Each structure stands twice: as C-alpha cells, then as structure tokens.
Amino acid sequence: MSTPSREATAYHEAGHAVIALHLGRPVQRVSILAKEQTLGRCEFRKGQQRPTEDWLEREILISLAGLAAEARFTGEYAWEGALRDLQGIRQLALQRAGERQADRFIKRMLSKVEHLLSQPGMWRVVERIVAELLRCESLSGRAAVHLYEQGIADADDLH
C-alpha cells in the first residue's frame, strides 16, 4: 500500500472538521502530523455539542466525511487508509439499521455526506482548511471555526 500524500491526508482531516462544524460538533484540533498509526486526526471537544435528534447519524456523517473529501480530491476511495473510521462507522450503522440494512445505510450516509461536501460553500471551506493544514500542519478548533464561518459567509455573498 502506498502512503497517502500529505495533501490527501489534509483533505481527509478537513472533511471531518467541516462536516463536524456544519452539524454542530465542536472541533478541538485538526492535524496532519502523523501520530500513533494515524497520518492525521480531527479531535473534538468533549461534551460541547448541540443536541441532535439523531446523534448516531451525525457521527456516521462526520466519520465518512474524511473518506468522501479525500476521494473528491484524489478521484478514488482510500478504503484501506480509512479503516479505523470505517470500523467505527460499521458499529454505529449496526446499532442504527441492524445487520441486514447496515451496508445500505452506510451507502446512503456516504451519498448524503458527498452531497453536503459538493455544496460550493462547503467545498470552499474544505479547501481553505487544507491550505492552512499544508502550511501549518495543525489548526486549533478556533481557527477551523473561523475558516468555516468565513467560507460560508463568502458563499452566501455570491448568492
């Protein structure tokens, strides 16, 4: 297996961060510094999230967002590189949909997150976070929020 590029890793982690922020899950830090068998990570603040009717769906969307953003950048899914994300996603999907429907549910959630990321404002935010990660290797949650809000506001100004 070839090691994903630093840029692909940045897209992966930015995808997690942008969808988390969009769905109200506060981000603590986003990094592309390799650590403990991971090439990067998106860490979340504990206990500080907006209540949601379906937290399980939100967690699946956030987890799939890294894979989806990286695939949008590279043109292919890095299933092997997203193995840790996928294991967690599978467990959540089993809780939500049961054994017989879990795979169908995951595919539906992947389509949903791909649609979210395809929105011009959302993808612009992903690209801004990627640029900062490539420059600094790590971003605070506050910096990620700033880039998110700025990108969404810029997209709103275009309409």
N, C-alpha and C. Protein backbone atom coordinates (compact mmCIF):
# COMPACT_ATOMS: atom_id res chain seq x y z
N MET A 1 0.84 -1.18 0.00
CA MET A 1 0.00 0.00 0.00
C MET A 1 0.88 1.24 0.00
N SER A 2 0.57 2.16 -0.84
CA SER A 2 1.34 3.39 -0.86
C SER A 2 0.82 4.34 0.21
N THR A 3 1.72 5.11 0.76
CA THR A 3 1.33 6.08 1.77
C THR A 3 0.60 7.23 1.11
N PRO A 4 -0.56 7.60 1.65
CA PRO A 4 -1.28 8.74 1.05
C PRO A 4 -0.44 10.00 1.13
N SER A 5 -0.64 10.86 0.17
CA SER A 5 0.10 12.12 0.17
C SER A 5 -0.34 12.98 1.34
N ARG A 6 0.54 13.86 1.70
CA ARG A 6 0.25 14.83 2.76
C ARG A 6 -1.01 15.62 2.41
N GLU A 7 -1.14 15.95 1.13
CA GLU A 7 -2.30 16.72 0.67
C GLU A 7 -3.59 15.90 0.80
N ALA A 8 -3.55 14.61 0.44
CA ALA A 8 -4.73 13.75 0.58
C ALA A 8 -5.12 13.63 2.04
N THR A 9 -4.13 13.51 2.92
CA THR A 9 -4.40 13.46 4.36
C THR A 9 -5.06 14.75 4.82
N ALA A 10 -4.59 15.88 4.32
CA ALA A 10 -5.19 17.17 4.68
C ALA A 10 -6.65 17.23 4.25
N TYR A 11 -6.95 16.75 3.06
CA TYR A 11 -8.35 16.73 2.61
C TYR A 11 -9.19 15.82 3.50
N HIS A 12 -8.63 14.68 3.87
CA HIS A 12 -9.34 13.74 4.73
C HIS A 12 -9.72 14.40 6.06
N GLU A 13 -8.74 14.98 6.72
CA GLU A 13 -8.99 15.59 8.03
C GLU A 13 -9.87 16.83 7.92
N ALA A 14 -9.68 17.61 6.86
CA ALA A 14 -10.52 18.79 6.65
C ALA A 14 -11.97 18.38 6.44
N GLY A 15 -12.19 17.27 5.74
CA GLY A 15 -13.55 16.77 5.53
C GLY A 15 -14.24 16.48 6.85
N HIS A 16 -13.53 15.78 7.75
CA HIS A 16 -14.09 15.51 9.08
C HIS A 16 -14.46 16.83 9.77
N ALA A 17 -13.53 17.77 9.77
CA ALA A 17 -13.72 19.03 10.50
C ALA A 17 -14.90 19.84 9.96
N VAL A 18 -14.98 19.97 8.65
CA VAL A 18 -16.02 20.80 8.04
C VAL A 18 -17.41 20.22 8.31
N ILE A 19 -17.57 18.93 8.13
CA ILE A 19 -18.89 18.33 8.37
C ILE A 19 -19.22 18.36 9.86
N ALA A 20 -18.23 18.17 10.72
CA ALA A 20 -18.48 18.28 12.17
C ALA A 20 -18.99 19.68 12.51
N LEU A 21 -18.31 20.69 12.02
CA LEU A 21 -18.73 22.07 12.30
C LEU A 21 -20.12 22.34 11.72
N HIS A 22 -20.36 21.86 10.52
CA HIS A 22 -21.67 22.05 9.88
C HIS A 22 -22.79 21.41 10.70
N LEU A 23 -22.49 20.28 11.33
CA LEU A 23 -23.51 19.55 12.09
C LEU A 23 -23.50 19.90 13.58
N GLY A 24 -22.71 20.91 13.96
CA GLY A 24 -22.74 21.39 15.34
C GLY A 24 -21.84 20.66 16.32
N ARG A 25 -20.88 19.90 15.84
CA ARG A 25 -19.95 19.21 16.73
C ARG A 25 -18.67 20.04 16.82
N PRO A 26 -18.37 20.60 17.99
CA PRO A 26 -17.19 21.47 18.12
C PRO A 26 -15.87 20.72 17.91
N VAL A 27 -15.01 21.34 17.12
CA VAL A 27 -13.69 20.77 16.81
C VAL A 27 -12.66 21.36 17.77
N GLN A 28 -11.82 20.50 18.33
CA GLN A 28 -10.75 20.91 19.23
C GLN A 28 -9.48 21.23 18.45
N ARG A 29 -9.12 20.32 17.51
CA ARG A 29 -7.88 20.46 16.75
C ARG A 29 -7.97 19.61 15.49
N VAL A 30 -7.33 20.09 14.43
CA VAL A 30 -7.20 19.34 13.18
C VAL A 30 -5.72 19.31 12.86
N SER A 31 -5.20 18.12 12.53
CA SER A 31 -3.76 18.00 12.33
C SER A 31 -3.43 16.98 11.24
N ILE A 32 -2.34 17.23 10.55
CA ILE A 32 -1.81 16.24 9.60
C ILE A 32 -0.44 15.76 10.07
N LEU A 33 -0.17 15.90 11.35
CA LEU A 33 1.06 15.36 11.94
C LEU A 33 0.81 13.89 12.28
N ALA A 34 1.62 13.00 11.73
CA ALA A 34 1.45 11.57 11.98
C ALA A 34 1.67 11.26 13.45
N LYS A 35 0.82 10.39 14.00
CA LYS A 35 0.91 10.03 15.41
C LYS A 35 0.16 8.73 15.64
N GLU A 36 0.77 7.81 16.35
CA GLU A 36 0.12 6.56 16.76
C GLU A 36 -0.65 5.89 15.63
N GLN A 37 0.01 5.50 14.59
CA GLN A 37 -0.56 4.78 13.46
C GLN A 37 -1.59 5.57 12.65
N THR A 38 -1.65 6.87 12.83
CA THR A 38 -2.53 7.70 12.01
C THR A 38 -1.70 8.76 11.31
N LEU A 39 -2.14 9.13 10.13
CA LEU A 39 -1.42 10.16 9.38
C LEU A 39 -1.91 11.56 9.73
N GLY A 40 -3.06 11.62 10.38
CA GLY A 40 -3.63 12.89 10.80
C GLY A 40 -4.80 12.61 11.72
N ARG A 41 -5.41 13.69 12.21
CA ARG A 41 -6.56 13.49 13.09
C ARG A 41 -7.38 14.76 13.20
N CYS A 42 -8.62 14.55 13.52
CA CYS A 42 -9.54 15.64 13.82
C CYS A 42 -10.09 15.32 15.20
N GLU A 43 -9.76 16.16 16.17
CA GLU A 43 -10.19 15.92 17.55
C GLU A 43 -11.37 16.83 17.87
N PHE A 44 -12.29 16.29 18.66
CA PHE A 44 -13.50 17.02 19.01
C PHE A 44 -13.51 17.40 20.48
N ARG A 45 -14.16 18.51 20.78
CA ARG A 45 -14.33 18.91 22.18
C ARG A 45 -15.30 17.97 22.84
N LYS A 46 -14.96 17.57 24.03
CA LYS A 46 -15.82 16.67 24.79
C LYS A 46 -16.99 17.43 25.40
N GLY A 47 -18.17 16.86 25.28
CA GLY A 47 -19.34 17.38 25.98
C GLY A 47 -19.85 18.74 25.54
N GLN A 48 -19.38 19.26 24.42
CA GLN A 48 -19.85 20.57 23.96
C GLN A 48 -20.40 20.45 22.55
N GLN A 49 -21.59 19.91 22.46
CA GLN A 49 -22.19 19.80 21.15
C GLN A 49 -23.67 20.09 21.23
N ARG A 50 -24.19 20.60 20.15
CA ARG A 50 -25.63 20.86 20.09
C ARG A 50 -26.36 19.54 20.14
N PRO A 51 -27.44 19.48 20.92
CA PRO A 51 -28.23 18.25 20.92
C PRO A 51 -28.80 18.01 19.51
N THR A 52 -28.92 16.79 19.16
CA THR A 52 -29.46 16.46 17.84
C THR A 52 -30.40 15.26 17.97
N GLU A 53 -31.38 15.21 17.13
CA GLU A 53 -32.33 14.10 17.17
C GLU A 53 -31.64 12.79 16.84
N ASP A 54 -30.70 12.83 15.95
CA ASP A 54 -30.05 11.59 15.55
C ASP A 54 -28.54 11.73 15.63
N TRP A 55 -28.02 11.67 16.84
CA TRP A 55 -26.57 11.82 17.05
C TRP A 55 -25.80 10.74 16.32
N LEU A 56 -26.39 9.55 16.23
CA LEU A 56 -25.71 8.44 15.59
C LEU A 56 -25.49 8.73 14.10
N GLU A 57 -26.50 9.25 13.44
CA GLU A 57 -26.35 9.62 12.03
C GLU A 57 -25.31 10.72 11.88
N ARG A 58 -25.32 11.69 12.79
CA ARG A 58 -24.34 12.77 12.74
C ARG A 58 -22.92 12.21 12.85
N GLU A 59 -22.71 11.30 13.78
CA GLU A 59 -21.38 10.72 13.97
C GLU A 59 -20.93 9.94 12.73
N ILE A 60 -21.86 9.23 12.11
CA ILE A 60 -21.52 8.49 10.88
C ILE A 60 -21.15 9.46 9.77
N LEU A 61 -21.92 10.53 9.61
CA LEU A 61 -21.62 11.51 8.56
C LEU A 61 -20.25 12.15 8.78
N ILE A 62 -19.95 12.49 10.03
CA ILE A 62 -18.64 13.09 10.34
C ILE A 62 -17.52 12.09 10.02
N SER A 63 -17.73 10.84 10.40
CA SER A 63 -16.71 9.82 10.16
C SER A 63 -16.51 9.53 8.67
N LEU A 64 -17.58 9.54 7.90
CA LEU A 64 -17.48 9.31 6.46
C LEU A 64 -16.93 10.51 5.70
N ALA A 65 -17.01 11.68 6.29
CA ALA A 65 -16.61 12.91 5.60
C ALA A 65 -15.13 12.91 5.21
N GLY A 66 -14.28 12.30 6.02
CA GLY A 66 -12.86 12.24 5.67
C GLY A 66 -12.63 11.43 4.40
N LEU A 67 -13.23 10.25 4.35
CA LEU A 67 -13.13 9.39 3.18
C LEU A 67 -13.69 10.10 1.94
N ALA A 68 -14.85 10.74 2.09
CA ALA A 68 -15.51 11.40 0.96
C ALA A 68 -14.70 12.60 0.45
N ALA A 69 -14.17 13.40 1.36
CA ALA A 69 -13.39 14.57 0.93
C ALA A 69 -12.09 14.14 0.25
N GLU A 70 -11.44 13.14 0.81
CA GLU A 70 -10.21 12.63 0.19
C GLU A 70 -10.51 12.07 -1.20
N ALA A 71 -11.61 11.34 -1.34
CA ALA A 71 -11.99 10.76 -2.64
C ALA A 71 -12.32 11.86 -3.65
N ARG A 72 -12.96 12.91 -3.19
CA ARG A 72 -13.28 14.02 -4.10
C ARG A 72 -11.98 14.65 -4.63
N PHE A 73 -10.95 14.69 -3.78
CA PHE A 73 -9.66 15.25 -4.19
C PHE A 73 -8.88 14.28 -5.09
N THR A 74 -8.79 13.01 -4.69
CA THR A 74 -7.93 12.06 -5.41
C THR A 74 -8.62 11.34 -6.56
N GLY A 75 -9.96 11.30 -6.51
CA GLY A 75 -10.70 10.57 -7.54
C GLY A 75 -10.95 9.12 -7.21
N GLU A 76 -10.51 8.67 -6.03
CA GLU A 76 -10.78 7.28 -5.62
C GLU A 76 -10.88 7.18 -4.11
N TYR A 77 -11.62 6.17 -3.66
CA TYR A 77 -11.80 5.97 -2.23
C TYR A 77 -10.59 5.26 -1.65
N ALA A 78 -10.07 5.77 -0.56
CA ALA A 78 -8.94 5.16 0.14
C ALA A 78 -9.48 4.30 1.28
N TRP A 79 -10.15 3.19 0.91
CA TRP A 79 -10.81 2.35 1.92
C TRP A 79 -9.83 1.87 2.98
N GLU A 80 -8.67 1.42 2.53
CA GLU A 80 -7.69 0.87 3.47
C GLU A 80 -7.19 1.94 4.44
N GLY A 81 -6.95 3.13 3.94
CA GLY A 81 -6.48 4.22 4.79
C GLY A 81 -7.51 4.70 5.78
N ALA A 82 -8.78 4.45 5.48
CA ALA A 82 -9.87 4.90 6.36
C ALA A 82 -10.40 3.75 7.22
N LEU A 83 -9.60 2.70 7.37
CA LEU A 83 -10.06 1.51 8.08
C LEU A 83 -10.57 1.80 9.49
N ARG A 84 -9.84 2.62 10.23
CA ARG A 84 -10.29 2.95 11.60
C ARG A 84 -11.63 3.67 11.59
N ASP A 85 -11.79 4.63 10.68
CA ASP A 85 -13.07 5.32 10.55
C ASP A 85 -14.17 4.32 10.20
N LEU A 86 -13.88 3.44 9.24
CA LEU A 86 -14.89 2.50 8.75
C LEU A 86 -15.32 1.49 9.81
N GLN A 87 -14.40 1.09 10.67
CA GLN A 87 -14.77 0.16 11.75
C GLN A 87 -15.78 0.81 12.69
N GLY A 88 -15.53 2.06 13.05
CA GLY A 88 -16.47 2.78 13.91
C GLY A 88 -17.80 3.02 13.23
N ILE A 89 -17.75 3.36 11.95
CA ILE A 89 -18.96 3.59 11.16
C ILE A 89 -19.81 2.32 11.12
N ARG A 90 -19.17 1.20 10.90
CA ARG A 90 -19.89 -0.08 10.82
C ARG A 90 -20.61 -0.38 12.13
N GLN A 91 -19.94 -0.16 13.25
CA GLN A 91 -20.57 -0.40 14.56
C GLN A 91 -21.79 0.49 14.76
N LEU A 92 -21.66 1.76 14.41
CA LEU A 92 -22.78 2.69 14.55
C LEU A 92 -23.93 2.31 13.61
N ALA A 93 -23.59 1.91 12.39
CA ALA A 93 -24.62 1.52 11.42
C ALA A 93 -25.37 0.27 11.88
N LEU A 94 -24.66 -0.65 12.50
CA LEU A 94 -25.32 -1.85 13.04
C LEU A 94 -26.31 -1.47 14.13
N GLN A 95 -25.93 -0.52 14.98
CA GLN A 95 -26.85 -0.05 16.03
C GLN A 95 -28.09 0.59 15.42
N ARG A 96 -27.89 1.36 14.38
CA ARG A 96 -28.98 2.14 13.78
C ARG A 96 -29.87 1.32 12.87
N ALA A 97 -29.25 0.46 12.04
CA ALA A 97 -30.02 -0.20 10.98
C ALA A 97 -30.08 -1.72 11.09
N GLY A 98 -29.28 -2.31 11.97
CA GLY A 98 -29.26 -3.77 12.07
C GLY A 98 -28.38 -4.40 11.01
N GLU A 99 -28.10 -5.67 11.20
CA GLU A 99 -27.17 -6.41 10.34
C GLU A 99 -27.59 -6.39 8.87
N ARG A 100 -28.86 -6.60 8.59
CA ARG A 100 -29.31 -6.72 7.20
C ARG A 100 -29.28 -5.40 6.44
N GLN A 101 -29.45 -4.29 7.14
CA GLN A 101 -29.55 -2.99 6.47
C GLN A 101 -28.32 -2.09 6.65
N ALA A 102 -27.33 -2.53 7.42
CA ALA A 102 -26.19 -1.68 7.75
C ALA A 102 -25.45 -1.17 6.51
N ASP A 103 -25.15 -2.05 5.57
CA ASP A 103 -24.40 -1.63 4.38
C ASP A 103 -25.19 -0.63 3.55
N ARG A 104 -26.48 -0.87 3.39
CA ARG A 104 -27.32 0.06 2.64
C ARG A 104 -27.37 1.42 3.34
N PHE A 105 -27.45 1.39 4.66
CA PHE A 105 -27.48 2.63 5.44
C PHE A 105 -26.17 3.41 5.27
N ILE A 106 -25.04 2.71 5.33
CA ILE A 106 -23.73 3.36 5.15
C ILE A 106 -23.65 4.00 3.77
N LYS A 107 -24.09 3.29 2.74
CA LYS A 107 -24.06 3.85 1.38
C LYS A 107 -24.92 5.11 1.29
N ARG A 108 -26.08 5.07 1.94
CA ARG A 108 -26.96 6.25 1.94
C ARG A 108 -26.29 7.43 2.65
N MET A 109 -25.62 7.16 3.76
CA MET A 109 -24.93 8.21 4.50
C MET A 109 -23.74 8.75 3.71
N LEU A 110 -23.04 7.87 2.98
CA LEU A 110 -21.93 8.32 2.14
C LEU A 110 -22.44 9.25 1.04
N SER A 111 -23.56 8.90 0.42
CA SER A 111 -24.16 9.78 -0.60
C SER A 111 -24.54 11.12 0.00
N LYS A 112 -25.09 11.09 1.20
CA LYS A 112 -25.51 12.33 1.86
C LYS A 112 -24.31 13.23 2.15
N VAL A 113 -23.23 12.65 2.67
CA VAL A 113 -22.07 13.47 3.00
C VAL A 113 -21.38 13.97 1.73
N GLU A 114 -21.38 13.17 0.68
CA GLU A 114 -20.82 13.63 -0.60
C GLU A 114 -21.62 14.82 -1.13
N HIS A 115 -22.94 14.76 -0.97
CA HIS A 115 -23.79 15.88 -1.40
C HIS A 115 -23.47 17.13 -0.57
N LEU A 116 -23.35 16.98 0.73
CA LEU A 116 -23.01 18.13 1.59
C LEU A 116 -21.68 18.75 1.15
N LEU A 117 -20.68 17.92 0.93
CA LEU A 117 -19.36 18.42 0.55
C LEU A 117 -19.35 19.05 -0.84
N SER A 118 -20.29 18.67 -1.68
CA SER A 118 -20.32 19.21 -3.05
C SER A 118 -20.90 20.62 -3.10
N GLN A 119 -21.50 21.07 -2.02
CA GLN A 119 -22.03 22.43 -1.99
C GLN A 119 -20.86 23.40 -2.10
N PRO A 120 -20.97 24.43 -2.95
CA PRO A 120 -19.83 25.33 -3.18
C PRO A 120 -19.22 25.92 -1.90
N GLY A 121 -20.03 26.38 -0.99
CA GLY A 121 -19.50 26.95 0.24
C GLY A 121 -18.77 25.94 1.09
N MET A 122 -19.32 24.73 1.16
CA MET A 122 -18.71 23.68 1.97
C MET A 122 -17.35 23.27 1.38
N TRP A 123 -17.31 23.08 0.07
CA TRP A 123 -16.04 22.65 -0.53
C TRP A 123 -15.00 23.76 -0.42
N ARG A 124 -15.44 24.99 -0.52
CA ARG A 124 -14.53 26.13 -0.36
C ARG A 124 -13.90 26.10 1.04
N VAL A 125 -14.70 25.79 2.05
CA VAL A 125 -14.18 25.70 3.42
C VAL A 125 -13.17 24.56 3.52
N VAL A 126 -13.50 23.41 2.94
CA VAL A 126 -12.55 22.29 2.95
C VAL A 126 -11.22 22.74 2.36
N GLU A 127 -11.26 23.41 1.22
CA GLU A 127 -10.02 23.85 0.56
C GLU A 127 -9.25 24.85 1.41
N ARG A 128 -9.95 25.73 2.10
CA ARG A 128 -9.26 26.70 2.97
C ARG A 128 -8.58 26.00 4.14
N ILE A 129 -9.26 25.04 4.74
CA ILE A 129 -8.66 24.30 5.85
C ILE A 129 -7.47 23.48 5.35
N VAL A 130 -7.60 22.88 4.18
CA VAL A 130 -6.48 22.13 3.59
C VAL A 130 -5.27 23.04 3.42
N ALA A 131 -5.48 24.22 2.86
CA ALA A 131 -4.37 25.15 2.63
C ALA A 131 -3.67 25.49 3.94
N GLU A 132 -4.44 25.72 4.99
CA GLU A 132 -3.84 26.03 6.29
C GLU A 132 -3.13 24.83 6.88
N LEU A 133 -3.69 23.64 6.73
CA LEU A 133 -3.03 22.44 7.24
C LEU A 133 -1.71 22.19 6.52
N LEU A 134 -1.68 22.42 5.23
CA LEU A 134 -0.43 22.23 4.48
C LEU A 134 0.61 23.27 4.88
N ARG A 135 0.15 24.43 5.28
CA ARG A 135 1.06 25.49 5.71
C ARG A 135 1.53 25.28 7.15
N CYS A 136 0.63 24.93 8.05
CA CYS A 136 0.93 24.89 9.49
C CYS A 136 0.97 23.49 10.10
N GLU A 137 0.41 22.50 9.43
CA GLU A 137 0.29 21.11 9.86
C GLU A 137 -0.74 20.87 10.96
N SER A 138 -1.14 21.91 11.68
CA SER A 138 -2.11 21.74 12.76
C SER A 138 -2.90 23.03 12.93
N LEU A 139 -4.19 22.90 13.20
CA LEU A 139 -5.07 24.05 13.41
C LEU A 139 -5.84 23.88 14.71
N SER A 140 -6.02 24.96 15.42
CA SER A 140 -6.88 24.92 16.60
C SER A 140 -8.33 24.85 16.15
N GLY A 141 -9.19 24.45 17.06
CA GLY A 141 -10.62 24.47 16.76
C GLY A 141 -11.10 25.86 16.43
N ARG A 142 -10.58 26.84 17.13
CA ARG A 142 -10.97 28.23 16.88
C ARG A 142 -10.62 28.66 15.45
N ALA A 143 -9.42 28.28 14.99
CA ALA A 143 -9.02 28.62 13.62
C ALA A 143 -9.91 27.91 12.61
N ALA A 144 -10.25 26.65 12.88
CA ALA A 144 -11.14 25.90 11.98
C ALA A 144 -12.51 26.56 11.90
N VAL A 145 -13.04 26.99 13.04
CA VAL A 145 -14.34 27.68 13.06
C VAL A 145 -14.26 28.97 12.26
N HIS A 146 -13.18 29.72 12.43
CA HIS A 146 -13.02 30.98 11.70
C HIS A 146 -13.03 30.72 10.19
N LEU A 147 -12.27 29.73 9.73
CA LEU A 147 -12.23 29.41 8.31
C LEU A 147 -13.59 28.92 7.81
N TYR A 148 -14.28 28.15 8.64
CA TYR A 148 -15.62 27.66 8.28
C TYR A 148 -16.58 28.83 8.11
N GLU A 149 -16.65 29.68 9.10
CA GLU A 149 -17.58 30.82 9.05
C GLU A 149 -17.26 31.76 7.90
N GLN A 150 -15.98 31.99 7.67
CA GLN A 150 -15.55 32.86 6.57
C GLN A 150 -15.95 32.27 5.21
N GLY A 151 -15.72 30.98 5.04
CA GLY A 151 -16.06 30.32 3.77
C GLY A 151 -17.55 30.29 3.50
N ILE A 152 -18.34 30.04 4.53
CA ILE A 152 -19.80 30.02 4.38
C ILE A 152 -20.31 31.43 4.07
N ALA A 153 -19.77 32.42 4.76
CA ALA A 153 -20.19 33.82 4.52
C ALA A 153 -19.84 34.24 3.10
N ASP A 154 -18.65 33.86 2.63
CA ASP A 154 -18.24 34.19 1.27
C ASP A 154 -19.18 33.55 0.25
N ALA A 155 -19.59 32.30 0.50
CA ALA A 155 -20.51 31.61 -0.40
C ALA A 155 -21.87 32.30 -0.41
N ASP A 156 -22.31 32.75 0.77
CA ASP A 156 -23.59 33.47 0.86
C ASP A 156 -23.53 34.78 0.09
N ASP A 157 -22.38 35.45 0.13
CA ASP A 157 -22.22 36.72 -0.59
C ASP A 157 -22.32 36.54 -2.10
N LEU A 158 -21.97 35.35 -2.58
CA LEU A 158 -22.02 35.09 -4.02
C LEU A 158 -23.46 34.90 -4.51
N HIS A 159 -24.36 34.60 -3.59
CA HIS A 159 -25.76 34.34 -3.98
C HIS A 159 -26.64 35.52 -3.74
